[in-house]
Amino acid sequence: MDQKGIGMTASIIPALSARGLVKRYGRVVAIDNAEFDLMPGEILGVIGDNGAGKSSLIKALSGAIRPDAGEIRLDGELVSFASPIEARHAGIETVYQTLALSPALSISDNMFLGREIYSSNILGKLFHQLDRKAMDAIARKKLSELGLLTIQNIQQPVETLSGGQRQGVAVARAAAFGSKVIIMDEPTAALGVKESRKVLDLILKVRARGVPIVLISHNMPHVFEVADRIHIHRLGKRAAVIRPKDFSMSDAVAIMTGALAPPLAA
């Protein structure tokens, strides 16, 4: 493991960490005594070959699966999530590759899906009438904060947006409610060059606001461009943590595939 990549932050409590995580599916070991550290205010890239177990790791951290063993800590406090909803309530937002948006609903409705604001009057209390004015105002504010000013109509159905704009809505929703950690799963996978650029800029803007981000991606240039550190996952566990400025993409791929031994501890 690359202690040079971790040592400078050893005295800082990680925003999100895991120790000894294990997850088995019958005889298949998806997570094998894995470790994980996301430091405050950083973008941590997560890379690994297909079948390395990085998706299972992220699912465990976000509450989508429950590990068989090990511990997860959020801001140093021991946590256990039975569902993604529990993780969300704790401040961990996940932007999945599928985006989890409802195409027929408006941008505003998607921003508040499952977190609707109800009117303070009797209609809101008894009949759950939505406070659409408040929801629209907050949605527009959050989109504006991330520079998504090309979206003029907050009531526009999501199905009418481009792929990059849809990803922007998903990121804005995560940024609006992810108070502690945002996990992004392949955010540029289905996008072209121009829209991918916009999403990377969004990620940097969210980080600038002090929210740490986990970026899972197969796109090595994107990871090396925006990540502060890179977690390399191999055979169900963390093989190394490197800094992009100290290693090349070829080095990362070699460590990821086992062609190069992980960096020795300092």
Protein backbone atom coordinates (compact mmCIF):
# COMPACT_ATOMS: atom_id res chain seq x y z
CA MET A 1 0.00 0.00 0.00
CA ASP A 2 1.26 3.47 -0.82
CA GLN A 3 1.87 5.11 2.52
CA LYS A 4 3.10 8.21 0.72
CA GLY A 5 -0.41 8.61 -0.59
CA ILE A 6 -1.94 8.30 2.86
CA GLY A 7 0.61 9.44 5.42
CA MET A 8 0.04 13.18 5.08
CA THR A 9 -3.58 12.75 6.14
CA ALA A 10 -3.04 10.07 8.78
CA SER A 11 -3.87 12.44 11.64
CA ILE A 12 -7.11 13.61 10.02
CA ILE A 13 -10.32 11.71 10.67
CA PRO A 14 -11.62 10.35 7.33
CA ALA A 15 -15.01 11.56 6.15
CA LEU A 16 -15.85 7.94 5.33
CA SER A 17 -13.79 4.87 6.14
CA ALA A 18 -14.03 1.09 6.28
CA ARG A 19 -11.95 -1.62 7.92
CA GLY A 20 -12.06 -5.37 7.39
CA LEU A 21 -15.13 -5.37 5.15
CA VAL A 22 -16.20 -8.82 3.96
CA LYS A 23 -19.09 -9.80 1.69
CA ARG A 24 -19.68 -13.31 0.42
CA TYR A 25 -22.22 -14.69 -2.02
CA GLY A 26 -22.01 -18.40 -1.36
CA ARG A 27 -18.46 -19.39 -2.25
CA VAL A 28 -17.82 -16.14 -4.09
CA VAL A 29 -16.00 -13.52 -2.03
CA ALA A 30 -16.96 -10.11 -3.43
CA ILE A 31 -15.26 -8.07 -0.67
CA ASP A 32 -12.22 -9.64 0.96
CA ASN A 33 -11.18 -7.85 4.16
CA ALA A 34 -11.25 -4.50 2.32
CA GLU A 35 -10.16 -1.12 3.61
CA PHE A 36 -11.27 2.31 2.46
CA ASP A 37 -10.56 5.94 3.34
CA LEU A 38 -12.17 9.09 1.96
CA MET A 39 -10.58 12.21 3.42
CA PRO A 40 -12.47 15.48 4.06
CA GLY A 41 -12.79 17.74 1.02
CA GLU A 42 -11.14 15.40 -1.46
CA ILE A 43 -12.12 13.65 -4.67
CA LEU A 44 -11.15 10.00 -4.32
CA GLY A 45 -11.08 8.06 -7.56
CA VAL A 46 -11.90 4.37 -7.33
CA ILE A 47 -10.64 2.12 -10.12
CA GLY A 48 -10.43 -1.60 -10.62
CA ASP A 49 -10.78 -4.26 -13.27
CA ASN A 50 -14.15 -5.87 -13.96
CA GLY A 51 -14.93 -8.27 -11.12
CA ALA A 52 -12.48 -6.61 -8.73
CA GLY A 53 -15.26 -5.98 -6.22
CA LYS A 54 -15.32 -2.19 -6.34
CA SER A 55 -19.08 -2.10 -7.02
CA SER A 56 -19.73 -4.33 -4.01
CA LEU A 57 -17.50 -2.10 -1.89
CA ILE A 58 -19.39 1.02 -2.91
CA LYS A 59 -22.73 -0.70 -2.35
CA ALA A 60 -21.65 -1.59 1.17
CA LEU A 61 -20.58 1.99 1.87
CA SER A 62 -23.87 3.40 0.51
CA GLY A 63 -26.18 0.95 2.27
CA ALA A 64 -27.21 -1.03 -0.81
CA ILE A 65 -25.79 -4.24 0.68
CA ARG A 66 -24.89 -5.23 4.23
CA PRO A 67 -21.36 -6.57 4.72
CA ASP A 68 -20.88 -9.88 6.52
CA ALA A 69 -18.04 -8.48 8.61
CA GLY A 70 -16.07 -5.32 9.20
CA GLU A 71 -16.93 -1.77 10.18
CA ILE A 72 -17.83 1.49 8.46
CA ARG A 73 -17.26 4.90 10.01
CA LEU A 74 -18.72 8.25 8.99
CA ASP A 75 -16.76 11.20 10.39
CA GLY A 76 -15.18 8.77 12.81
CA GLU A 77 -18.51 7.46 14.14
CA LEU A 78 -19.38 3.78 13.71
CA VAL A 79 -22.39 3.37 11.39
CA SER A 80 -24.45 0.51 9.98
CA PHE A 81 -26.87 1.03 7.12
CA ALA A 82 -29.76 -1.32 6.42
CA SER A 83 -30.67 0.51 3.22
CA PRO A 84 -29.59 3.36 0.92
CA ILE A 85 -32.31 5.47 2.56
CA GLU A 86 -30.56 5.14 5.93
CA ALA A 87 -27.26 6.12 4.33
CA ARG A 88 -28.96 9.10 2.69
CA HIS A 89 -30.41 10.23 6.00
CA ALA A 90 -26.90 10.05 7.47
CA GLY A 91 -25.62 12.38 4.73
CA ILE A 92 -24.33 9.98 2.06
CA GLU A 93 -25.81 10.63 -1.38
CA THR A 94 -25.16 8.28 -4.31
CA VAL A 95 -25.47 9.19 -7.99
CA TYR A 96 -25.92 5.88 -9.77
CA GLN A 97 -24.99 5.23 -13.38
CA THR A 98 -28.71 4.84 -14.13
CA LEU A 99 -29.26 8.25 -12.45
CA ALA A 100 -32.44 7.04 -10.68
CA LEU A 101 -34.47 9.85 -12.22
CA SER A 102 -38.12 9.65 -13.22
CA PRO A 103 -38.24 10.82 -16.88
CA ALA A 104 -41.90 11.86 -16.86
CA LEU A 105 -41.54 14.08 -13.79
CA SER A 106 -40.25 17.64 -13.81
CA ILE A 107 -36.74 18.71 -12.82
CA SER A 108 -38.10 20.10 -9.56
CA ASP A 109 -40.04 16.94 -8.75
CA ASN A 110 -36.96 14.81 -9.42
CA MET A 111 -34.83 17.00 -7.20
CA PHE A 112 -37.23 16.37 -4.30
CA LEU A 113 -38.23 12.80 -5.10
CA GLY A 114 -38.82 11.15 -1.73
CA ARG A 115 -38.08 14.44 0.04
CA GLU A 116 -41.06 16.53 -0.96
CA ILE A 117 -41.85 19.76 0.87
CA TYR A 118 -45.47 20.03 1.97
CA SER A 119 -47.49 23.19 2.39
CA SER A 120 -47.59 24.54 5.92
CA ASN A 121 -51.36 25.07 5.74
CA ILE A 122 -54.14 22.61 6.54
CA LEU A 123 -54.02 21.12 3.03
CA GLY A 124 -50.38 20.26 3.45
CA LYS A 125 -50.84 18.76 6.90
CA LEU A 126 -53.94 16.71 6.14
CA PHE A 127 -53.72 16.00 2.41
CA HIS A 128 -49.96 16.32 1.79
CA GLN A 129 -50.35 19.17 -0.67
CA LEU A 130 -46.92 19.99 -2.07
CA ASP A 131 -45.34 23.41 -1.63
CA ARG A 132 -44.30 23.62 -5.27
CA LYS A 133 -43.22 27.26 -5.00
CA ALA A 134 -40.65 26.41 -2.32
CA MET A 135 -39.49 23.28 -4.15
CA ASP A 136 -39.06 25.17 -7.43
CA ALA A 137 -37.13 27.99 -5.73
CA ILE A 138 -34.71 25.60 -3.99
CA ALA A 139 -34.25 23.48 -7.13
CA ARG A 140 -33.44 26.55 -9.22
CA LYS A 141 -31.03 27.83 -6.55
CA LYS A 142 -29.17 24.51 -6.40
CA LEU A 143 -28.92 24.29 -10.18
CA SER A 144 -27.67 27.87 -10.38
CA GLU A 145 -25.03 27.23 -7.72
CA LEU A 146 -23.55 24.54 -9.96
CA GLY A 147 -23.72 26.69 -13.07
CA LEU A 148 -26.60 24.81 -14.69
CA LEU A 149 -28.17 28.01 -16.02
CA THR A 150 -29.01 26.49 -19.41
CA ILE A 151 -32.03 24.87 -17.79
CA GLN A 152 -34.63 27.63 -17.97
CA ASN A 153 -37.85 25.86 -17.03
CA ILE A 154 -37.69 24.08 -13.68
CA GLN A 155 -40.99 22.34 -14.53
CA GLN A 156 -39.50 20.86 -17.71
CA PRO A 157 -39.84 17.04 -17.81
CA VAL A 158 -36.50 15.30 -17.34
CA GLU A 159 -37.14 13.19 -20.47
CA THR A 160 -36.72 16.35 -22.59
CA LEU A 161 -33.18 16.99 -21.28
CA SER A 162 -29.90 15.90 -22.85
CA GLY A 163 -27.79 13.21 -21.20
CA GLY A 164 -25.45 15.78 -19.73
CA GLN A 165 -28.32 17.86 -18.37
CA ARG A 166 -29.87 14.78 -16.77
CA GLN A 167 -26.56 13.97 -15.13
CA GLY A 168 -26.43 17.59 -13.97
CA VAL A 169 -29.83 17.26 -12.29
CA ALA A 170 -28.70 14.07 -10.54
CA VAL A 171 -25.48 15.73 -9.36
CA ALA A 172 -27.35 18.84 -8.22
CA ARG A 173 -29.78 16.68 -6.24
CA ALA A 174 -26.89 14.88 -4.56
CA ALA A 175 -25.09 18.14 -3.85
CA ALA A 176 -28.26 19.65 -2.41
CA PHE A 177 -28.84 16.84 0.08
CA GLY A 178 -25.49 15.06 0.43
CA SER A 179 -24.32 16.88 3.51
CA LYS A 180 -21.30 14.66 4.21
CA VAL A 181 -20.35 12.46 1.23
CA ILE A 182 -21.30 12.11 -2.42
CA ILE A 183 -20.64 8.83 -4.26
CA MET A 184 -20.69 8.99 -8.06
CA ASP A 185 -20.86 5.77 -10.08
CA GLU A 186 -19.58 6.14 -13.66
CA PRO A 187 -21.02 9.67 -14.11
CA THR A 188 -19.62 10.16 -17.63
CA ALA A 189 -20.04 6.61 -18.96
CA ALA A 190 -22.87 7.36 -21.41
CA LEU A 191 -21.87 10.92 -22.32
CA GLY A 192 -19.99 12.50 -25.20
CA VAL A 193 -16.82 14.55 -24.85
CA LYS A 194 -18.53 17.94 -24.42
CA GLU A 195 -21.11 16.74 -21.89
CA SER A 196 -18.47 14.74 -20.00
CA ARG A 197 -16.47 17.95 -19.64
CA LYS A 198 -19.48 19.68 -18.08
CA VAL A 199 -19.98 16.85 -15.59
CA LEU A 200 -16.31 16.91 -14.57
CA ASP A 201 -16.61 20.66 -14.01
CA LEU A 202 -19.68 20.00 -11.86
CA ILE A 203 -17.72 17.51 -9.76
CA LEU A 204 -14.99 20.09 -9.19
CA LYS A 205 -17.57 22.71 -8.20
CA VAL A 206 -19.14 20.35 -5.66
CA ARG A 207 -15.70 19.59 -4.19
CA ALA A 208 -14.99 23.34 -4.01
CA ARG A 209 -17.97 23.59 -1.66
CA GLY A 210 -16.18 21.25 0.74
CA VAL A 211 -18.11 18.03 0.07
CA PRO A 212 -15.85 14.98 -0.37
CA ILE A 213 -16.60 12.85 -3.43
CA VAL A 214 -16.03 9.20 -4.32
CA LEU A 215 -15.67 8.89 -8.10
CA ILE A 216 -15.96 5.36 -9.52
CA SER A 217 -14.98 5.29 -13.16
CA HIS A 218 -13.41 3.19 -15.91
CA ASN A 219 -12.35 6.39 -17.65
CA MET A 220 -8.74 6.68 -16.50
CA PRO A 221 -8.06 10.16 -17.99
CA HIS A 222 -11.11 11.56 -16.16
CA VAL A 223 -9.99 10.02 -12.87
CA PHE A 224 -6.43 11.30 -13.22
CA GLU A 225 -7.70 14.76 -14.12
CA VAL A 226 -9.96 15.42 -11.14
CA ALA A 227 -8.98 12.99 -8.35
CA ASP A 228 -6.76 14.03 -5.46
CA ARG A 229 -6.00 10.39 -4.68
CA ILE A 230 -6.85 7.11 -6.39
CA HIS A 231 -7.98 3.94 -4.62
CA ILE A 232 -6.97 0.90 -6.68
CA HIS A 233 -9.14 -2.13 -6.02
CA ARG A 234 -8.01 -5.65 -6.88
CA LEU A 235 -9.31 -9.11 -5.97
CA GLY A 236 -11.87 -7.75 -3.52
CA LYS A 237 -9.58 -5.47 -1.54
CA ARG A 238 -7.59 -2.24 -1.66
CA ALA A 239 -4.33 -2.88 -3.49
CA ALA A 240 -2.97 0.65 -3.22
CA VAL A 241 -3.75 4.33 -2.82
CA ILE A 242 -1.77 6.59 -5.16
CA ARG A 243 -1.59 10.25 -6.05
CA PRO A 244 -2.03 11.06 -9.76
CA LYS A 245 0.98 13.37 -9.74
CA ASP A 246 3.27 10.55 -8.55
CA PHE A 247 2.13 7.76 -10.86
CA SER A 248 1.18 7.39 -14.51
CA MET A 249 -2.00 5.86 -15.88
CA SER A 250 0.09 2.93 -17.10
CA ASP A 251 1.34 2.40 -13.54
CA ALA A 252 -2.23 2.44 -12.23
CA VAL A 253 -3.39 -0.09 -14.80
CA ALA A 254 -0.41 -2.32 -14.03
CA ILE A 255 -1.18 -2.27 -10.30
CA MET A 256 -4.86 -2.82 -11.04
CA THR A 257 -4.18 -5.91 -13.15
CA GLY A 258 -1.36 -7.32 -11.02
CA ALA A 259 1.36 -6.68 -13.58
CA LEU A 260 3.07 -4.28 -11.15
CA ALA A 261 3.43 -4.84 -7.42
CA PRO A 262 1.68 -2.24 -5.23
CA PRO A 263 4.00 0.53 -3.98
CA LEU A 264 5.94 -0.48 -0.89
CA ALA A 265 5.19 1.15 2.44
CA ALA A 266 7.50 4.02 3.31
